[in-house]
N, C-alpha and C. Protein backbone atom coordinates (compact mmCIF):
# COMPACT_ATOMS: atom_id res chain seq x y z
N MET A 1 0.84 -1.17 0.00
CA MET A 1 0.00 0.00 0.00
C MET A 1 0.89 1.24 0.00
N PRO A 2 0.61 2.22 -0.84
CA PRO A 2 1.45 3.42 -0.92
C PRO A 2 1.19 4.38 0.26
N PHE A 3 2.15 5.28 0.46
CA PHE A 3 2.01 6.31 1.49
C PHE A 3 0.85 7.23 1.15
N THR A 4 0.12 7.65 2.18
CA THR A 4 -0.94 8.64 2.01
C THR A 4 -0.38 10.01 2.36
N TRP A 5 -1.20 11.04 2.23
CA TRP A 5 -0.73 12.39 2.54
C TRP A 5 -0.35 12.51 4.02
N VAL A 6 -1.01 11.76 4.89
CA VAL A 6 -0.69 11.80 6.32
C VAL A 6 0.70 11.21 6.55
N ASP A 7 1.02 10.12 5.86
CA ASP A 7 2.34 9.52 5.99
C ASP A 7 3.43 10.49 5.55
N TRP A 8 3.18 11.17 4.43
CA TRP A 8 4.16 12.14 3.94
C TRP A 8 4.28 13.33 4.90
N ALA A 9 3.18 13.72 5.52
CA ALA A 9 3.22 14.80 6.51
C ALA A 9 4.06 14.38 7.72
N ILE A 10 3.91 13.13 8.16
CA ILE A 10 4.69 12.62 9.28
C ILE A 10 6.18 12.62 8.93
N VAL A 11 6.51 12.13 7.73
CA VAL A 11 7.90 12.12 7.29
C VAL A 11 8.44 13.55 7.23
N ALA A 12 7.63 14.48 6.74
CA ALA A 12 8.06 15.88 6.65
C ALA A 12 8.32 16.49 8.03
N ILE A 13 7.46 16.20 8.99
CA ILE A 13 7.64 16.74 10.35
C ILE A 13 8.95 16.25 10.94
N VAL A 14 9.22 14.96 10.81
CA VAL A 14 10.45 14.40 11.37
C VAL A 14 11.67 14.95 10.62
N ALA A 15 11.58 15.03 9.29
CA ALA A 15 12.71 15.53 8.49
C ALA A 15 12.98 17.00 8.75
N ILE A 16 11.94 17.82 8.83
CA ILE A 16 12.14 19.25 9.09
C ILE A 16 12.73 19.47 10.47
N SER A 17 12.24 18.74 11.45
CA SER A 17 12.80 18.85 12.79
C SER A 17 14.27 18.45 12.80
N ALA A 18 14.61 17.38 12.09
CA ALA A 18 16.00 16.93 12.02
C ALA A 18 16.88 17.96 11.32
N LEU A 19 16.38 18.56 10.23
CA LEU A 19 17.17 19.56 9.50
C LEU A 19 17.39 20.83 10.31
N ILE A 20 16.37 21.25 11.04
CA ILE A 20 16.52 22.43 11.89
C ILE A 20 17.60 22.16 12.94
N SER A 21 17.55 20.98 13.54
CA SER A 21 18.54 20.64 14.56
C SER A 21 19.91 20.40 13.96
N LEU A 22 19.98 19.94 12.72
CA LEU A 22 21.26 19.80 12.03
C LEU A 22 21.93 21.15 11.89
N SER A 23 21.15 22.16 11.56
CA SER A 23 21.74 23.49 11.39
C SER A 23 22.11 24.14 12.72
N ARG A 24 21.39 23.82 13.78
CA ARG A 24 21.67 24.43 15.09
C ARG A 24 22.67 23.64 15.91
N GLY A 25 22.65 22.33 15.79
CA GLY A 25 23.56 21.49 16.56
C GLY A 25 22.91 20.98 17.83
N PHE A 26 23.46 19.89 18.35
CA PHE A 26 22.90 19.23 19.53
C PHE A 26 22.96 20.11 20.77
N VAL A 27 24.11 20.73 20.99
CA VAL A 27 24.29 21.50 22.21
C VAL A 27 23.24 22.61 22.30
N LYS A 28 23.06 23.35 21.21
CA LYS A 28 22.06 24.43 21.23
C LYS A 28 20.64 23.89 21.39
N GLU A 29 20.35 22.80 20.73
CA GLU A 29 19.01 22.22 20.83
C GLU A 29 18.74 21.70 22.24
N ALA A 30 19.71 20.98 22.79
CA ALA A 30 19.52 20.43 24.13
C ALA A 30 19.42 21.54 25.17
N LEU A 31 20.28 22.55 25.06
CA LEU A 31 20.22 23.66 26.01
C LEU A 31 18.91 24.45 25.86
N SER A 32 18.41 24.56 24.65
CA SER A 32 17.12 25.24 24.45
C SER A 32 16.00 24.48 25.14
N LEU A 33 16.00 23.18 24.99
CA LEU A 33 14.97 22.36 25.63
C LEU A 33 15.07 22.47 27.15
N VAL A 34 16.28 22.37 27.68
CA VAL A 34 16.48 22.48 29.12
C VAL A 34 16.06 23.86 29.61
N THR A 35 16.38 24.90 28.83
CA THR A 35 16.01 26.26 29.21
C THR A 35 14.50 26.42 29.30
N TRP A 36 13.76 25.87 28.33
CA TRP A 36 12.30 25.96 28.37
C TRP A 36 11.73 25.24 29.58
N ILE A 37 12.28 24.08 29.89
CA ILE A 37 11.80 23.33 31.06
C ILE A 37 12.10 24.11 32.34
N ILE A 38 13.32 24.61 32.46
CA ILE A 38 13.69 25.38 33.65
C ILE A 38 12.84 26.64 33.75
N ALA A 39 12.58 27.30 32.63
CA ALA A 39 11.75 28.51 32.64
C ALA A 39 10.35 28.20 33.16
N GLY A 40 9.80 27.07 32.75
CA GLY A 40 8.48 26.68 33.25
C GLY A 40 8.49 26.42 34.74
N VAL A 41 9.52 25.73 35.21
CA VAL A 41 9.62 25.43 36.64
C VAL A 41 9.82 26.71 37.44
N VAL A 42 10.70 27.59 36.98
CA VAL A 42 10.95 28.85 37.68
C VAL A 42 9.68 29.69 37.72
N ALA A 43 8.97 29.78 36.61
CA ALA A 43 7.73 30.55 36.58
C ALA A 43 6.71 29.98 37.54
N TRP A 44 6.59 28.66 37.56
CA TRP A 44 5.62 28.01 38.43
C TRP A 44 5.98 28.19 39.90
N MET A 45 7.26 28.07 40.23
CA MET A 45 7.67 28.13 41.64
C MET A 45 7.77 29.55 42.19
N PHE A 46 8.20 30.51 41.35
CA PHE A 46 8.48 31.84 41.87
C PHE A 46 7.57 32.94 41.32
N GLY A 47 6.72 32.61 40.36
CA GLY A 47 5.81 33.61 39.80
C GLY A 47 4.86 34.17 40.85
N GLY A 48 4.38 33.31 41.75
CA GLY A 48 3.49 33.76 42.82
C GLY A 48 4.18 34.71 43.78
N SER A 49 5.43 34.42 44.10
CA SER A 49 6.19 35.32 44.98
C SER A 49 6.41 36.67 44.32
N LEU A 50 6.75 36.66 43.04
CA LEU A 50 6.96 37.92 42.32
C LEU A 50 5.66 38.71 42.22
N SER A 51 4.53 38.02 42.15
CA SER A 51 3.25 38.71 41.99
C SER A 51 2.95 39.63 43.16
N GLU A 52 3.48 39.32 44.33
CA GLU A 52 3.26 40.19 45.50
C GLU A 52 3.87 41.57 45.28
N TYR A 53 4.98 41.63 44.55
CA TYR A 53 5.63 42.91 44.27
C TYR A 53 4.91 43.70 43.18
N LEU A 54 3.99 43.06 42.48
CA LEU A 54 3.24 43.73 41.42
C LEU A 54 1.91 44.29 41.91
N ALA A 55 1.63 44.18 43.21
CA ALA A 55 0.34 44.61 43.76
C ALA A 55 0.08 46.09 43.50
N GLY A 56 1.10 46.92 43.51
CA GLY A 56 0.92 48.34 43.27
C GLY A 56 0.64 48.68 41.81
N TYR A 57 0.88 47.72 40.92
CA TYR A 57 0.73 47.96 39.49
C TYR A 57 -0.48 47.25 38.88
N ILE A 58 -0.83 46.10 39.44
CA ILE A 58 -1.93 45.29 38.89
C ILE A 58 -2.90 44.98 40.02
N GLU A 59 -4.16 45.36 39.84
CA GLU A 59 -5.18 45.17 40.89
C GLU A 59 -5.62 43.73 41.05
N THR A 60 -5.94 43.07 39.95
CA THR A 60 -6.52 41.73 39.99
C THR A 60 -5.49 40.69 40.41
N PRO A 61 -5.76 39.93 41.48
CA PRO A 61 -4.77 38.95 41.95
C PRO A 61 -4.39 37.90 40.90
N SER A 62 -5.36 37.42 40.15
CA SER A 62 -5.04 36.40 39.14
C SER A 62 -4.16 36.99 38.04
N ALA A 63 -4.43 38.23 37.66
CA ALA A 63 -3.60 38.88 36.64
C ALA A 63 -2.19 39.11 37.16
N ARG A 64 -2.07 39.41 38.47
CA ARG A 64 -0.74 39.59 39.07
C ARG A 64 0.06 38.29 39.01
N VAL A 65 -0.60 37.18 39.34
CA VAL A 65 0.09 35.88 39.32
C VAL A 65 0.49 35.54 37.88
N ILE A 66 -0.40 35.75 36.94
CA ILE A 66 -0.08 35.48 35.53
C ILE A 66 1.09 36.35 35.08
N ALA A 67 1.04 37.64 35.43
CA ALA A 67 2.13 38.55 35.06
C ALA A 67 3.44 38.12 35.73
N GLY A 68 3.38 37.75 37.00
CA GLY A 68 4.58 37.30 37.70
C GLY A 68 5.18 36.06 37.05
N CYS A 69 4.33 35.12 36.71
CA CYS A 69 4.80 33.90 36.05
C CYS A 69 5.39 34.21 34.67
N ALA A 70 4.72 35.10 33.93
CA ALA A 70 5.21 35.47 32.60
C ALA A 70 6.57 36.17 32.69
N ILE A 71 6.72 37.05 33.65
CA ILE A 71 8.00 37.76 33.82
C ILE A 71 9.11 36.77 34.15
N MET A 72 8.85 35.87 35.09
CA MET A 72 9.86 34.88 35.46
C MET A 72 10.20 33.97 34.29
N PHE A 73 9.18 33.58 33.51
CA PHE A 73 9.39 32.70 32.37
C PHE A 73 10.27 33.38 31.33
N VAL A 74 9.92 34.61 30.95
CA VAL A 74 10.67 35.33 29.92
C VAL A 74 12.09 35.65 30.41
N ALA A 75 12.23 36.06 31.66
CA ALA A 75 13.57 36.37 32.19
C ALA A 75 14.46 35.13 32.17
N THR A 76 13.90 33.98 32.52
CA THR A 76 14.68 32.74 32.49
C THR A 76 15.06 32.37 31.06
N LEU A 77 14.14 32.58 30.12
CA LEU A 77 14.46 32.31 28.71
C LEU A 77 15.59 33.20 28.21
N ILE A 78 15.60 34.46 28.63
CA ILE A 78 16.65 35.38 28.20
C ILE A 78 18.00 34.95 28.76
N VAL A 79 18.04 34.63 30.04
CA VAL A 79 19.30 34.16 30.64
C VAL A 79 19.75 32.86 29.97
N GLY A 80 18.82 31.95 29.72
CA GLY A 80 19.15 30.70 29.05
C GLY A 80 19.67 30.91 27.65
N ALA A 81 19.10 31.88 26.92
CA ALA A 81 19.57 32.18 25.56
C ALA A 81 21.00 32.71 25.58
N MET A 82 21.31 33.53 26.57
CA MET A 82 22.69 34.04 26.68
C MET A 82 23.67 32.90 26.97
N ILE A 83 23.30 32.02 27.89
CA ILE A 83 24.16 30.88 28.20
C ILE A 83 24.29 29.96 26.98
N ASN A 84 23.18 29.75 26.29
CA ASN A 84 23.17 28.92 25.09
C ASN A 84 24.12 29.48 24.04
N TYR A 85 24.09 30.79 23.84
CA TYR A 85 24.96 31.43 22.86
C TYR A 85 26.43 31.23 23.23
N LEU A 86 26.77 31.45 24.50
CA LEU A 86 28.16 31.32 24.94
C LEU A 86 28.66 29.88 24.79
N ILE A 87 27.85 28.92 25.18
CA ILE A 87 28.27 27.52 25.06
C ILE A 87 28.33 27.11 23.59
N GLY A 88 27.42 27.62 22.77
CA GLY A 88 27.45 27.35 21.34
C GLY A 88 28.73 27.87 20.70
N GLU A 89 29.16 29.05 21.12
CA GLU A 89 30.42 29.60 20.61
C GLU A 89 31.61 28.76 21.07
N LEU A 90 31.56 28.26 22.28
CA LEU A 90 32.62 27.40 22.79
C LEU A 90 32.71 26.12 21.96
N VAL A 91 31.59 25.53 21.62
CA VAL A 91 31.58 24.32 20.79
C VAL A 91 32.15 24.63 19.41
N ARG A 92 31.78 25.78 18.86
CA ARG A 92 32.26 26.16 17.53
C ARG A 92 33.77 26.34 17.52
N VAL A 93 34.29 26.98 18.56
CA VAL A 93 35.72 27.26 18.64
C VAL A 93 36.53 25.97 18.84
N THR A 94 35.99 25.01 19.57
CA THR A 94 36.73 23.77 19.85
C THR A 94 36.79 22.83 18.66
N GLY A 95 36.04 23.11 17.60
CA GLY A 95 36.09 22.26 16.42
C GLY A 95 35.19 21.05 16.47
N LEU A 96 34.28 21.02 17.41
CA LEU A 96 33.35 19.89 17.53
C LEU A 96 32.05 20.10 16.77
N SER A 97 32.02 21.09 15.89
CA SER A 97 30.75 21.44 15.27
C SER A 97 30.19 20.33 14.37
N GLY A 98 31.05 19.54 13.72
CA GLY A 98 30.56 18.44 12.88
C GLY A 98 29.84 17.39 13.70
N THR A 99 30.45 16.97 14.76
CA THR A 99 29.84 15.99 15.66
C THR A 99 28.59 16.57 16.30
N ASP A 100 28.68 17.83 16.70
CA ASP A 100 27.56 18.51 17.32
C ASP A 100 26.37 18.57 16.37
N ARG A 101 26.63 18.85 15.12
CA ARG A 101 25.53 18.93 14.15
C ARG A 101 24.91 17.56 13.87
N PHE A 102 25.76 16.53 13.79
CA PHE A 102 25.22 15.19 13.58
C PHE A 102 24.35 14.76 14.75
N LEU A 103 24.85 14.97 15.97
CA LEU A 103 24.04 14.64 17.14
C LEU A 103 22.78 15.51 17.19
N GLY A 104 22.90 16.74 16.74
CA GLY A 104 21.73 17.62 16.66
C GLY A 104 20.68 17.06 15.73
N MET A 105 21.12 16.51 14.60
CA MET A 105 20.17 15.93 13.65
C MET A 105 19.44 14.75 14.29
N ALA A 106 20.16 13.91 15.02
CA ALA A 106 19.52 12.78 15.70
C ALA A 106 18.53 13.28 16.75
N PHE A 107 18.94 14.31 17.49
CA PHE A 107 18.06 14.91 18.49
C PHE A 107 16.79 15.47 17.83
N GLY A 108 16.97 16.16 16.71
CA GLY A 108 15.83 16.74 16.00
C GLY A 108 14.88 15.68 15.46
N ALA A 109 15.45 14.59 14.96
CA ALA A 109 14.60 13.49 14.48
C ALA A 109 13.79 12.90 15.63
N ALA A 110 14.45 12.73 16.78
CA ALA A 110 13.74 12.20 17.96
C ALA A 110 12.65 13.17 18.40
N ARG A 111 12.94 14.47 18.35
CA ARG A 111 11.93 15.46 18.71
C ARG A 111 10.76 15.41 17.73
N GLY A 112 11.04 15.25 16.45
CA GLY A 112 9.98 15.14 15.45
C GLY A 112 9.11 13.91 15.68
N VAL A 113 9.74 12.79 16.02
CA VAL A 113 8.99 11.57 16.33
C VAL A 113 8.11 11.81 17.55
N LEU A 114 8.65 12.46 18.56
CA LEU A 114 7.87 12.75 19.77
C LEU A 114 6.67 13.64 19.45
N LEU A 115 6.87 14.66 18.61
CA LEU A 115 5.76 15.53 18.20
C LEU A 115 4.66 14.72 17.51
N VAL A 116 5.07 13.81 16.63
CA VAL A 116 4.09 13.00 15.90
C VAL A 116 3.37 12.06 16.87
N VAL A 117 4.11 11.46 17.80
CA VAL A 117 3.49 10.56 18.79
C VAL A 117 2.43 11.31 19.59
N VAL A 118 2.78 12.51 20.05
CA VAL A 118 1.81 13.31 20.83
C VAL A 118 0.61 13.68 19.96
N ALA A 119 0.86 14.11 18.72
CA ALA A 119 -0.24 14.50 17.83
C ALA A 119 -1.16 13.32 17.53
N VAL A 120 -0.58 12.16 17.23
CA VAL A 120 -1.38 10.97 16.94
C VAL A 120 -2.16 10.55 18.19
N GLY A 121 -1.52 10.61 19.34
CA GLY A 121 -2.21 10.26 20.58
C GLY A 121 -3.39 11.16 20.86
N LEU A 122 -3.20 12.47 20.66
CA LEU A 122 -4.30 13.41 20.88
C LEU A 122 -5.40 13.25 19.84
N LEU A 123 -5.00 13.07 18.58
CA LEU A 123 -6.01 12.89 17.54
C LEU A 123 -6.83 11.61 17.75
N SER A 124 -6.20 10.60 18.32
CA SER A 124 -6.92 9.34 18.52
C SER A 124 -8.04 9.47 19.55
N LEU A 125 -8.01 10.53 20.33
CA LEU A 125 -9.08 10.76 21.30
C LEU A 125 -10.37 11.24 20.64
N GLY A 126 -10.25 11.72 19.41
CA GLY A 126 -11.41 12.21 18.68
C GLY A 126 -11.94 11.16 17.73
N PRO A 127 -12.87 11.56 16.87
CA PRO A 127 -13.51 10.61 15.96
C PRO A 127 -12.72 10.32 14.68
N VAL A 128 -11.42 10.66 14.62
CA VAL A 128 -10.66 10.49 13.38
C VAL A 128 -10.42 9.03 13.03
N GLN A 129 -10.59 8.12 13.97
CA GLN A 129 -10.30 6.72 13.69
C GLN A 129 -11.24 6.12 12.64
N GLN A 130 -12.35 6.80 12.39
CA GLN A 130 -13.27 6.33 11.36
C GLN A 130 -12.97 6.97 9.99
N ASP A 131 -12.08 7.96 9.95
CA ASP A 131 -11.76 8.64 8.70
C ASP A 131 -10.88 7.76 7.81
N GLY A 132 -11.07 7.89 6.50
CA GLY A 132 -10.32 7.09 5.55
C GLY A 132 -8.82 7.35 5.62
N TRP A 133 -8.44 8.61 5.73
CA TRP A 133 -7.01 8.92 5.76
C TRP A 133 -6.32 8.30 6.97
N TRP A 134 -7.05 8.16 8.07
CA TRP A 134 -6.48 7.54 9.28
C TRP A 134 -6.32 6.03 9.06
N LYS A 135 -7.36 5.40 8.50
CA LYS A 135 -7.34 3.96 8.30
C LYS A 135 -6.33 3.53 7.23
N GLU A 136 -6.15 4.38 6.20
CA GLU A 136 -5.28 4.01 5.08
C GLU A 136 -3.81 4.33 5.33
N SER A 137 -3.51 5.07 6.36
CA SER A 137 -2.13 5.46 6.65
C SER A 137 -1.27 4.25 7.00
N GLN A 138 -0.03 4.27 6.52
CA GLN A 138 0.92 3.21 6.86
C GLN A 138 1.62 3.49 8.19
N LEU A 139 1.83 4.77 8.53
CA LEU A 139 2.61 5.15 9.70
C LEU A 139 1.77 5.41 10.95
N VAL A 140 0.54 5.85 10.79
CA VAL A 140 -0.29 6.18 11.95
C VAL A 140 -0.43 5.00 12.91
N PRO A 141 -0.69 3.77 12.44
CA PRO A 141 -0.81 2.67 13.40
C PRO A 141 0.47 2.42 14.22
N LYS A 142 1.63 2.62 13.58
CA LYS A 142 2.89 2.44 14.30
C LYS A 142 3.08 3.51 15.37
N PHE A 143 2.75 4.76 15.02
CA PHE A 143 2.86 5.84 15.99
C PHE A 143 1.78 5.73 17.07
N LEU A 144 0.64 5.16 16.72
CA LEU A 144 -0.42 4.96 17.70
C LEU A 144 0.00 3.93 18.75
N LEU A 145 0.72 2.90 18.33
CA LEU A 145 1.25 1.92 19.30
C LEU A 145 2.20 2.60 20.29
N VAL A 146 3.08 3.46 19.78
CA VAL A 146 4.02 4.17 20.65
C VAL A 146 3.26 5.14 21.56
N ALA A 147 2.24 5.81 21.02
CA ALA A 147 1.45 6.75 21.83
C ALA A 147 0.73 6.01 22.96
N ASP A 148 0.15 4.86 22.67
CA ASP A 148 -0.53 4.08 23.70
C ASP A 148 0.46 3.58 24.75
N TRP A 149 1.61 3.10 24.30
CA TRP A 149 2.63 2.64 25.23
C TRP A 149 3.09 3.79 26.13
N SER A 150 3.31 4.96 25.53
CA SER A 150 3.75 6.14 26.29
C SER A 150 2.70 6.55 27.32
N LYS A 151 1.44 6.55 26.89
CA LYS A 151 0.36 6.93 27.80
C LYS A 151 0.31 5.98 29.00
N ASN A 152 0.40 4.70 28.74
CA ASN A 152 0.37 3.72 29.84
C ASN A 152 1.57 3.87 30.76
N LEU A 153 2.73 4.16 30.18
CA LEU A 153 3.93 4.36 30.98
C LEU A 153 3.80 5.60 31.87
N ILE A 154 3.33 6.69 31.30
CA ILE A 154 3.17 7.94 32.05
C ILE A 154 2.11 7.78 33.13
N LEU A 155 0.99 7.14 32.80
CA LEU A 155 -0.05 6.93 33.81
C LEU A 155 0.45 6.05 34.94
N GLY A 156 1.25 5.05 34.63
CA GLY A 156 1.82 4.20 35.67
C GLY A 156 2.75 4.97 36.59
N TRP A 157 3.62 5.79 36.00
CA TRP A 157 4.54 6.60 36.80
C TRP A 157 3.79 7.59 37.66
N SER A 158 2.83 8.29 37.04
CA SER A 158 2.13 9.33 37.80
C SER A 158 1.28 8.73 38.92
N SER A 159 0.69 7.56 38.69
CA SER A 159 -0.11 6.96 39.76
C SER A 159 0.79 6.53 40.93
N GLN A 160 1.98 6.03 40.63
CA GLN A 160 2.92 5.68 41.70
C GLN A 160 3.38 6.93 42.45
N TRP A 161 3.62 8.01 41.70
CA TRP A 161 4.07 9.26 42.29
C TRP A 161 2.99 9.83 43.20
N LEU A 162 1.75 9.82 42.73
CA LEU A 162 0.65 10.34 43.54
C LEU A 162 0.38 9.45 44.75
N ALA A 163 0.50 8.13 44.57
CA ALA A 163 0.25 7.21 45.68
C ALA A 163 1.29 7.35 46.78
N SER A 164 2.51 7.73 46.40
CA SER A 164 3.57 7.86 47.41
C SER A 164 3.47 9.17 48.17
N GLY A 165 2.61 10.07 47.72
CA GLY A 165 2.46 11.37 48.38
C GLY A 165 3.40 12.38 47.75
N ILE A 166 2.88 13.56 47.52
CA ILE A 166 3.65 14.61 46.87
C ILE A 166 4.01 15.66 47.89
N SER A 167 5.27 16.02 47.92
CA SER A 167 5.72 17.10 48.79
C SER A 167 5.90 18.34 47.93
N VAL A 168 5.11 19.39 48.18
CA VAL A 168 5.13 20.60 47.38
C VAL A 168 5.56 21.77 48.24
N PRO A 169 6.51 22.59 47.77
CA PRO A 169 6.91 23.76 48.56
C PRO A 169 5.73 24.66 48.87
N ALA A 170 5.76 25.29 50.04
CA ALA A 170 4.63 26.10 50.51
C ALA A 170 4.38 27.31 49.63
N GLU A 171 5.41 27.84 48.95
CA GLU A 171 5.24 29.08 48.19
C GLU A 171 4.64 28.88 46.80
N ILE A 172 4.31 27.67 46.40
CA ILE A 172 3.72 27.46 45.08
C ILE A 172 2.28 27.94 45.11
N PRO A 173 1.94 28.89 44.19
CA PRO A 173 0.58 29.43 44.20
C PRO A 173 -0.44 28.40 43.73
N PHE A 174 -1.60 28.44 44.32
CA PHE A 174 -2.74 27.63 43.93
C PHE A 174 -2.47 26.13 44.02
N LYS A 175 -1.56 25.69 44.89
CA LYS A 175 -1.22 24.27 44.93
C LYS A 175 -2.41 23.41 45.36
N GLU A 176 -3.30 23.95 46.18
CA GLU A 176 -4.46 23.17 46.62
C GLU A 176 -5.37 22.86 45.44
N GLN A 177 -5.50 23.81 44.50
CA GLN A 177 -6.34 23.59 43.34
C GLN A 177 -5.66 22.67 42.33
N LEU A 178 -4.31 22.81 42.19
CA LEU A 178 -3.59 22.01 41.22
C LEU A 178 -3.41 20.57 41.69
N LEU A 179 -3.02 20.42 42.96
CA LEU A 179 -2.74 19.11 43.52
C LEU A 179 -3.46 18.98 44.85
N PRO A 180 -4.73 18.61 44.85
CA PRO A 180 -5.50 18.57 46.09
C PRO A 180 -4.93 17.62 47.15
N THR A 181 -4.16 16.62 46.74
CA THR A 181 -3.60 15.67 47.69
C THR A 181 -2.19 16.04 48.11
N ALA A 182 -1.71 17.23 47.70
CA ALA A 182 -0.32 17.61 47.98
C ALA A 182 -0.10 17.84 49.46
N LYS A 183 1.08 17.43 49.91
CA LYS A 183 1.46 17.64 51.30
C LYS A 183 2.49 18.76 51.34
N THR A 184 2.33 19.70 52.24
CA THR A 184 3.31 20.76 52.42
C THR A 184 4.29 20.31 53.49
N PRO A 185 5.62 20.41 53.20
CA PRO A 185 6.60 19.98 54.21
C PRO A 185 6.48 20.81 55.48
N GLN A 186 6.65 20.18 56.62
CA GLN A 186 6.54 20.88 57.92
C GLN A 186 7.88 21.42 58.34
C-alpha cells in the first residue's frame, strides 16, 4: 500500500525537525529544551512570589500571578539564551561542530517523532479513527502503538508518584487547586 498524505506529513515533520537541529547542533538544541523546562519550573515556583511585588501595578490577583509567572518565564528564557549562545560559541571554537551537528540531527529526528506521537495520541481521542485517511495510513498505526505505550507508561509513573504522596513547597501558588492531595513539608 502506498504512502498517504498523512504519511508524507509525518515524514516531513520528522525531516524538518532533524534539518533544523542539524543546522543548530545538539548543544544548542539540548540547552534550548532544558532552558524551556527550567523557565516553566521557575515561573511556576516563583511567579506567585513575584506577583506580590506587582500589587501596586496590577489590581486583579489572578492577573498579578499570571504577570509574575510570565515575567519569570521570559527572564529565564533570556538568561538561558545568553548561556546557550556562549556555550554554542565554545563548541564552535573547539572544532566539535561536525559531531555537534550530527548529534543535533539525531536529536531533532527524535523530537519530530515525539511531536508525531503526541499529535497521533491526541487525535486518537477524537472521531478520526473512522476517517479514511487515518485507516489508510501506513505510519499512523505504528505511531499509535508508541502513543498508547507512552500513555500507559506515564499513567503508571504518575499513579505511583501520587500514591507515594507529593511534597510541594509552601510558596507554590494555587497548589491546593492544582494538587488537592499535595502535602506541604513541615
